[in-house]
Structures are given as structure tokens and as C-alpha cells.
Amino acid sequence: MPRGLSAVLLALPLLHSTAFARAGCETLGGEAVQGGLLWGRVPPGSSVMLDGEALPVLPDGWYLAGFGRDAPATAQLVVEGPEPCAATLAVAAREYRIQRVDGVPQRTVTPPPEQLERIRRERALVVAAKARRIEQPDWLRQVAGAFAWPASGPISGVYGSQRVYNGTPGTPHYGVDVAAPAGTPVLAPADGLVTLAEPDLFYSGGTIILDHGYGLSSSFLHLSEVGVAVGDEIRRGEVIGAVGASGRATGPHLDWRMSFRGRRIDPQRLVPPMP
């Protein structure tokens, strides 16, 4: 497994004080909150289900669970194996910034018809890259430390925020935006394998997806340079690209997003405060 996942499993408890235990279940850590990650450990050979979905369990029993932007108030955790248990998890709700913008020309909200096929093709590339399931548990304990910021600068956009254009809600923002000059190096926040490296996608421009293993991945959008290729194995802190304003961006910044098995999670909850 790419070493970035070990950073989550082994080091993130140092960043948060929300570790807790459920009666009859193994100790859990992290945050049961919309956009958050939760992790725990069960006896090897166990299976773990969250709301009926099987979660990946590493050979030594570590597992991850993720909660989307609009996750419901409760989730059912079921462990089957040597020490079976079940628990109802309370998922904390969040308030998101909603901005209403009226009088926007429709052509800036809706892509032109001649670009729709391109958009569909590029979306399929992204979905396929995130659908890969990379499992290399022998890498688990080769790295210490949590996720690091891929770039430094003012935070100009946050996870979960949303704009309503001319009364129609737009797609929520699923990343954290870091404002930085064009050309600023973008660093890998954790180890992983490059599954997408595209210089010019319609919406996101220069785009990289770095898979941290077992369905956990980072995406880096609007890059001016893509310095890696699909199949590259990357270590935390290596330069992978450069900040830009490519795609549908209004100025240079890094849009860093994270996904866990189809759920968009908040990268800002996995890193220390911005320096």
C-alpha cells in the first residue's frame, strides 16, 4: 500500500483529540463528521461494514471509513469475525458557505454544447483513475508522519462551499484552495501512485490524481505544469507539478481534493494548520 495511507492510520491520532471507543468494538480514531475520515483496528481476518458497504481491511486489521459532504446523521458500523460487534455512529453535521450570485451570463455557467463530448470523455478518465484499488500492505510501516500541505499560501476556498447562480445551485466545492503564484511547486502530501496525469482537462486544466492506497486518493487541479506520469511512484514531499490557473479558474491557485472510495472528503481535516 502506498505509504500515504500509513500516515493516516499511524500518525493522524496525533493531530486530533477526537479518538473514542464504542462499547464492544475496537477503538476508533479520527472524526465521524461530514467530510471526515474515521479509522480503527480489528482482529486480523475480520470484515468491516459501514451502512452495508464493505470497507477495506488491511492484513493486520487497520481499516478506514469516509463520510461525504452530506452524510446522514448516523451510520451503522458492523464488524464480523473473531470479535464481532455493531455500533451506531453519530456523524456530526457541518455548516457550509453558500454564496448567491445573480445576473451571471448563462454561457459562463453552462458549458457550450460542442464541449459536452469532451467533458464526458474526461470525466470517464477521472472516474477510472479513482476506481483503481491499489493494495500494497508491505509498505504500511515504512513512513511516519501525517499528510502535509502540498503548497503554502492563503486559503481562498474551502470544502463544501457552494454558489447558487441565477437561483440554480452549482456543484459544491469539494477541495481546499490555496492561493499561490503561478509556477509555485506542488508537493506530494503523502506517498502514492500516479493514476492520472493530464495537462489540459476542460474544467480542471492540468490535473494529477495520486492514489494513496485502498481507495484513498488526492487530486490536484488547475496546474500550470504536470511533472509526473501515470505509474510513477511518488514519495511525500516530491515535486509533482506547479500551481497555475488552467481550466476554468479565475486566477492562480491549487485546488486540492481528496476521495475515499467514491466519497469526497475534506483534505483540510487531515493536515496541521496552514503555516
Protein backbone atom coordinates (compact mmCIF):
# COMPACT_ATOMS: atom_id res chain seq x y z
CA MET A 1 0.00 0.00 0.00
CA PRO A 2 1.39 3.47 -0.77
CA ARG A 3 2.89 4.93 2.37
CA GLY A 4 0.47 7.86 2.46
CA LEU A 5 -2.24 5.61 3.86
CA SER A 6 0.06 4.55 6.68
CA ALA A 7 0.38 8.24 7.51
CA VAL A 8 -3.37 8.37 8.07
CA LEU A 9 -3.56 5.16 10.04
CA LEU A 10 -0.48 5.56 12.20
CA ALA A 11 0.05 9.28 12.66
CA LEU A 12 -3.25 11.15 12.40
CA PRO A 13 -4.23 10.31 16.01
CA LEU A 14 -1.51 12.80 16.95
CA LEU A 15 -3.40 15.59 15.18
CA HIS A 16 -6.84 15.13 16.69
CA SER A 17 -8.24 14.70 20.15
CA THR A 18 -11.42 13.01 18.95
CA ALA A 19 -10.35 9.38 19.34
CA PHE A 20 -13.08 7.41 21.05
CA ALA A 21 -14.22 3.88 21.71
CA ARG A 22 -17.53 2.16 21.24
CA ALA A 23 -18.68 -0.48 23.65
CA GLY A 24 -17.98 -3.90 22.19
CA CYS A 25 -16.00 -2.56 19.21
CA GLU A 26 -12.35 -1.84 18.67
CA THR A 27 -11.01 1.61 19.42
CA LEU A 28 -11.75 4.17 16.70
CA GLY A 29 -9.98 7.41 15.89
CA GLY A 30 -10.43 10.36 13.59
CA GLU A 31 -13.65 12.24 13.06
CA ALA A 32 -17.15 10.96 12.44
CA VAL A 33 -18.14 14.20 10.72
CA GLN A 34 -19.32 15.18 7.26
CA GLY A 35 -16.21 15.23 5.08
CA GLY A 36 -14.15 13.37 7.68
CA LEU A 37 -12.22 10.12 7.94
CA LEU A 38 -12.56 7.53 10.68
CA TRP A 39 -10.16 4.69 11.27
CA GLY A 40 -9.83 1.73 13.58
CA ARG A 41 -8.32 -1.68 14.06
CA VAL A 42 -9.99 -5.06 14.33
CA PRO A 43 -8.57 -8.55 14.77
CA PRO A 44 -6.93 -9.82 11.56
CA GLY A 45 -9.37 -11.79 9.45
CA SER A 46 -12.33 -9.59 10.36
CA SER A 47 -14.63 -7.86 7.91
CA VAL A 48 -15.98 -4.35 8.48
CA MET A 49 -19.18 -2.89 7.03
CA LEU A 50 -20.37 0.71 7.14
CA ASP A 51 -24.03 1.12 6.22
CA GLY A 52 -23.87 -2.20 4.39
CA GLU A 53 -20.74 -1.33 2.39
CA ALA A 54 -17.64 -3.47 2.88
CA LEU A 55 -14.61 -1.42 3.93
CA PRO A 56 -11.04 -2.38 3.03
CA VAL A 57 -9.30 -4.11 5.93
CA LEU A 58 -5.51 -4.41 5.86
CA PRO A 59 -3.91 -7.75 6.81
CA ASP A 60 -3.08 -6.50 10.31
CA GLY A 61 -6.63 -5.23 10.91
CA TRP A 62 -6.43 -1.47 10.17
CA TYR A 63 -9.37 -0.02 8.25
CA LEU A 64 -10.64 3.37 7.08
CA ALA A 65 -14.14 4.80 6.74
CA GLY A 66 -15.07 8.04 4.99
CA PHE A 67 -18.07 10.36 5.20
CA GLY A 68 -19.24 12.55 2.33
CA ARG A 69 -20.24 16.22 2.38
CA ASP A 70 -23.90 15.44 3.06
CA ALA A 71 -23.54 12.22 5.05
CA PRO A 72 -26.62 11.39 7.16
CA ALA A 73 -26.66 11.90 10.94
CA THR A 74 -25.95 8.27 11.78
CA ALA A 75 -24.02 5.35 10.30
CA GLN A 76 -24.08 1.67 11.18
CA LEU A 77 -20.71 0.01 11.78
CA VAL A 78 -20.70 -3.78 11.81
CA VAL A 79 -17.63 -5.96 12.46
CA GLU A 80 -17.75 -9.68 11.73
CA GLY A 81 -15.00 -12.11 12.69
CA PRO A 82 -13.23 -13.23 15.87
CA GLU A 83 -14.71 -10.35 17.90
CA PRO A 84 -18.00 -9.36 16.22
CA CYS A 85 -19.70 -6.13 17.21
CA ALA A 86 -22.03 -3.43 15.95
CA ALA A 87 -22.33 0.26 16.71
CA THR A 88 -24.36 3.27 15.64
CA LEU A 89 -22.03 6.18 14.90
CA ALA A 90 -23.24 9.76 15.31
CA VAL A 91 -22.00 11.76 12.30
CA ALA A 92 -21.58 15.46 13.09
CA ALA A 93 -23.16 17.89 10.64
CA ARG A 94 -21.31 20.92 9.25
CA GLU A 95 -22.41 24.34 8.05
CA TYR A 96 -21.18 25.26 4.57
CA ARG A 97 -20.68 28.64 2.98
CA ILE A 98 -23.41 29.34 0.41
CA GLN A 99 -22.95 32.30 -1.94
CA ARG A 100 -25.76 33.54 -4.19
CA VAL A 101 -24.74 35.18 -7.44
CA ASP A 102 -27.41 36.63 -9.74
CA GLY A 103 -27.14 38.15 -13.19
CA VAL A 104 -24.43 35.77 -14.39
CA PRO A 105 -24.42 35.23 -18.19
CA GLN A 106 -25.66 31.69 -18.80
CA ARG A 107 -22.77 30.90 -21.14
CA THR A 108 -20.40 31.16 -18.17
CA VAL A 109 -22.48 28.73 -16.10
CA THR A 110 -23.31 26.10 -18.72
CA PRO A 111 -20.54 24.70 -20.95
CA PRO A 112 -21.04 25.13 -24.71
CA PRO A 113 -22.67 22.13 -26.44
CA GLU A 114 -19.57 21.45 -28.58
CA GLN A 115 -17.60 20.72 -25.39
CA LEU A 116 -20.02 18.19 -23.88
CA GLU A 117 -18.44 15.13 -25.50
CA ARG A 118 -15.00 16.23 -24.33
CA ILE A 119 -16.33 16.74 -20.81
CA ARG A 120 -17.89 13.26 -20.76
CA ARG A 121 -14.67 11.68 -22.02
CA GLU A 122 -12.54 13.46 -19.45
CA ARG A 123 -14.94 12.63 -16.62
CA ALA A 124 -14.62 8.94 -17.54
CA LEU A 125 -10.81 9.24 -17.26
CA VAL A 126 -11.11 10.68 -13.76
CA VAL A 127 -13.64 8.06 -12.63
CA ALA A 128 -11.42 5.25 -13.90
CA ALA A 129 -8.36 6.68 -12.16
CA LYS A 130 -10.17 6.88 -8.82
CA ALA A 131 -11.71 3.43 -9.22
CA ARG A 132 -8.36 1.65 -9.04
CA ARG A 133 -7.75 -0.36 -5.88
CA ILE A 134 -4.04 -0.39 -5.11
CA GLU A 135 -3.15 -2.71 -2.24
CA GLN A 136 0.46 -2.97 -1.08
CA PRO A 137 0.31 -3.70 2.67
CA ASP A 138 4.06 -4.39 2.80
CA TRP A 139 4.51 -0.58 2.57
CA LEU A 140 2.38 0.04 5.66
CA ARG A 141 5.04 0.89 8.26
CA GLN A 142 7.66 2.46 6.03
CA VAL A 143 6.59 6.05 6.69
CA ALA A 144 5.79 8.06 9.81
CA GLY A 145 4.00 11.39 9.88
CA ALA A 146 0.66 12.69 8.68
CA PHE A 147 -0.39 14.39 5.46
CA ALA A 148 1.43 17.63 4.63
CA TRP A 149 0.20 20.68 2.75
CA PRO A 150 1.08 20.38 -0.96
CA ALA A 151 1.53 24.16 -1.19
CA SER A 152 1.54 27.11 1.18
CA GLY A 153 -0.47 30.31 0.93
CA PRO A 154 -3.77 31.93 1.89
CA ILE A 155 -6.74 29.57 1.88
CA SER A 156 -9.07 31.07 -0.71
CA GLY A 157 -11.69 28.32 -0.92
CA VAL A 158 -12.94 25.67 1.47
CA TYR A 159 -14.55 22.24 1.26
CA GLY A 160 -18.32 22.09 1.00
CA SER A 161 -18.90 25.69 -0.09
CA GLN A 162 -21.36 26.28 -2.90
CA ARG A 163 -22.50 29.03 -5.26
CA VAL A 164 -26.07 29.50 -6.46
CA TYR A 165 -26.01 31.03 -9.93
CA ASN A 166 -29.19 32.80 -11.04
CA GLY A 167 -31.12 30.75 -8.50
CA THR A 168 -29.67 27.39 -9.62
CA PRO A 169 -27.29 25.64 -7.17
CA GLY A 170 -23.90 24.86 -8.66
CA THR A 171 -21.82 21.81 -7.81
CA PRO A 172 -20.37 22.10 -4.29
CA HIS A 173 -16.67 22.76 -3.97
CA TYR A 174 -15.04 19.55 -2.77
CA GLY A 175 -11.50 20.77 -2.20
CA VAL A 176 -9.42 23.32 -0.38
CA ASP A 177 -7.99 26.17 -2.50
CA VAL A 178 -4.53 27.53 -1.75
CA ALA A 179 -3.72 30.85 -3.41
CA ALA A 180 -0.13 30.95 -4.66
CA PRO A 181 1.75 32.48 -7.60
CA ALA A 182 1.74 30.58 -10.87
CA GLY A 183 4.75 28.28 -11.02
CA THR A 184 4.85 27.59 -7.26
CA PRO A 185 5.91 23.93 -6.79
CA VAL A 186 3.19 21.48 -5.76
CA LEU A 187 4.45 18.74 -3.44
CA ALA A 188 3.01 15.30 -2.79
CA PRO A 189 1.20 15.45 0.59
CA ALA A 190 1.84 11.74 1.14
CA ASP A 191 3.23 8.75 -0.74
CA GLY A 192 1.24 7.24 -3.56
CA LEU A 193 0.96 6.10 -7.14
CA VAL A 194 0.05 8.45 -10.00
CA THR A 195 -3.14 7.21 -11.70
CA LEU A 196 -3.92 10.33 -13.76
CA ALA A 197 -1.64 13.00 -15.24
CA GLU A 198 -3.39 15.25 -17.76
CA PRO A 199 -2.11 18.68 -18.89
CA ASP A 200 -5.41 20.20 -20.05
CA LEU A 201 -8.82 18.99 -18.89
CA PHE A 202 -11.80 21.24 -19.66
CA TYR A 203 -12.80 22.05 -16.09
CA SER A 204 -9.65 21.38 -14.06
CA GLY A 205 -6.86 22.12 -16.57
CA GLY A 206 -3.60 20.46 -15.56
CA THR A 207 -4.69 17.62 -13.30
CA ILE A 208 -2.93 14.92 -11.27
CA ILE A 209 -4.50 12.12 -9.24
CA LEU A 210 -2.26 10.48 -6.65
CA ASP A 211 -3.57 7.22 -5.20
CA HIS A 212 -2.57 6.62 -1.57
CA GLY A 213 -3.92 3.07 -1.50
CA TYR A 214 -7.12 1.20 -0.68
CA GLY A 215 -9.34 3.79 -2.35
CA LEU A 216 -7.87 6.94 -0.78
CA SER A 217 -6.64 9.47 -3.35
CA SER A 218 -5.67 13.13 -3.80
CA SER A 219 -6.44 15.28 -6.83
CA PHE A 220 -4.53 18.44 -7.78
CA LEU A 221 -6.29 20.83 -10.18
CA HIS A 222 -5.55 23.90 -12.35
CA LEU A 223 -1.83 23.12 -12.60
CA SER A 224 0.45 25.04 -14.95
CA GLU A 225 2.84 22.07 -15.11
CA VAL A 226 2.31 18.34 -14.72
CA GLY A 227 5.67 16.87 -13.73
CA VAL A 228 4.74 13.21 -13.30
CA ALA A 229 3.35 10.38 -15.43
CA VAL A 230 0.83 7.62 -14.82
CA GLY A 231 2.55 4.77 -13.00
CA ASP A 232 5.08 6.94 -11.17
CA GLU A 233 5.53 6.00 -7.53
CA ILE A 234 5.82 9.23 -5.54
CA ARG A 235 7.10 9.94 -2.06
CA ARG A 236 5.79 12.60 0.28
CA GLY A 237 7.44 15.95 -0.39
CA GLU A 238 8.41 15.28 -4.01
CA VAL A 239 7.53 17.95 -6.57
CA ILE A 240 4.73 16.71 -8.81
CA GLY A 241 3.71 19.89 -10.63
CA ALA A 242 3.25 23.65 -10.36
CA VAL A 243 0.42 25.98 -9.38
CA GLY A 244 -1.47 27.53 -12.28
CA ALA A 245 -4.80 28.89 -13.49
CA SER A 246 -5.58 26.33 -16.19
CA GLY A 247 -9.06 25.04 -16.92
CA ARG A 248 -11.99 27.03 -15.57
CA ALA A 249 -10.05 29.03 -12.98
CA THR A 250 -10.15 32.79 -12.38
CA GLY A 251 -6.62 33.07 -11.02
CA PRO A 252 -3.60 31.01 -9.97
CA HIS A 253 -4.27 28.65 -7.09
CA LEU A 254 -4.05 24.98 -6.14
CA ASP A 255 -7.34 23.13 -5.74
CA TRP A 256 -6.53 20.04 -3.63
CA ARG A 257 -9.25 17.44 -3.32
CA MET A 258 -9.45 14.01 -1.71
CA SER A 259 -11.70 11.00 -2.22
CA PHE A 260 -12.21 7.77 -0.34
CA ARG A 261 -13.98 5.07 -2.32
CA GLY A 262 -16.31 7.49 -4.08
CA ARG A 263 -16.85 9.83 -1.14
CA ARG A 264 -15.41 13.34 -1.29
CA ILE A 265 -13.59 14.10 1.95
CA ASP A 266 -12.07 17.31 3.28
CA PRO A 267 -8.27 17.47 2.89
CA GLN A 268 -8.03 20.28 5.42
CA ARG A 269 -9.07 17.90 8.19
CA LEU A 270 -6.01 15.70 7.55
CA VAL A 271 -3.28 18.33 7.82
CA PRO A 272 -1.97 20.67 10.53
CA PRO A 273 -2.99 24.34 10.36
CA MET A 274 -1.57 26.19 7.38
CA PRO A 275 1.88 27.60 8.30
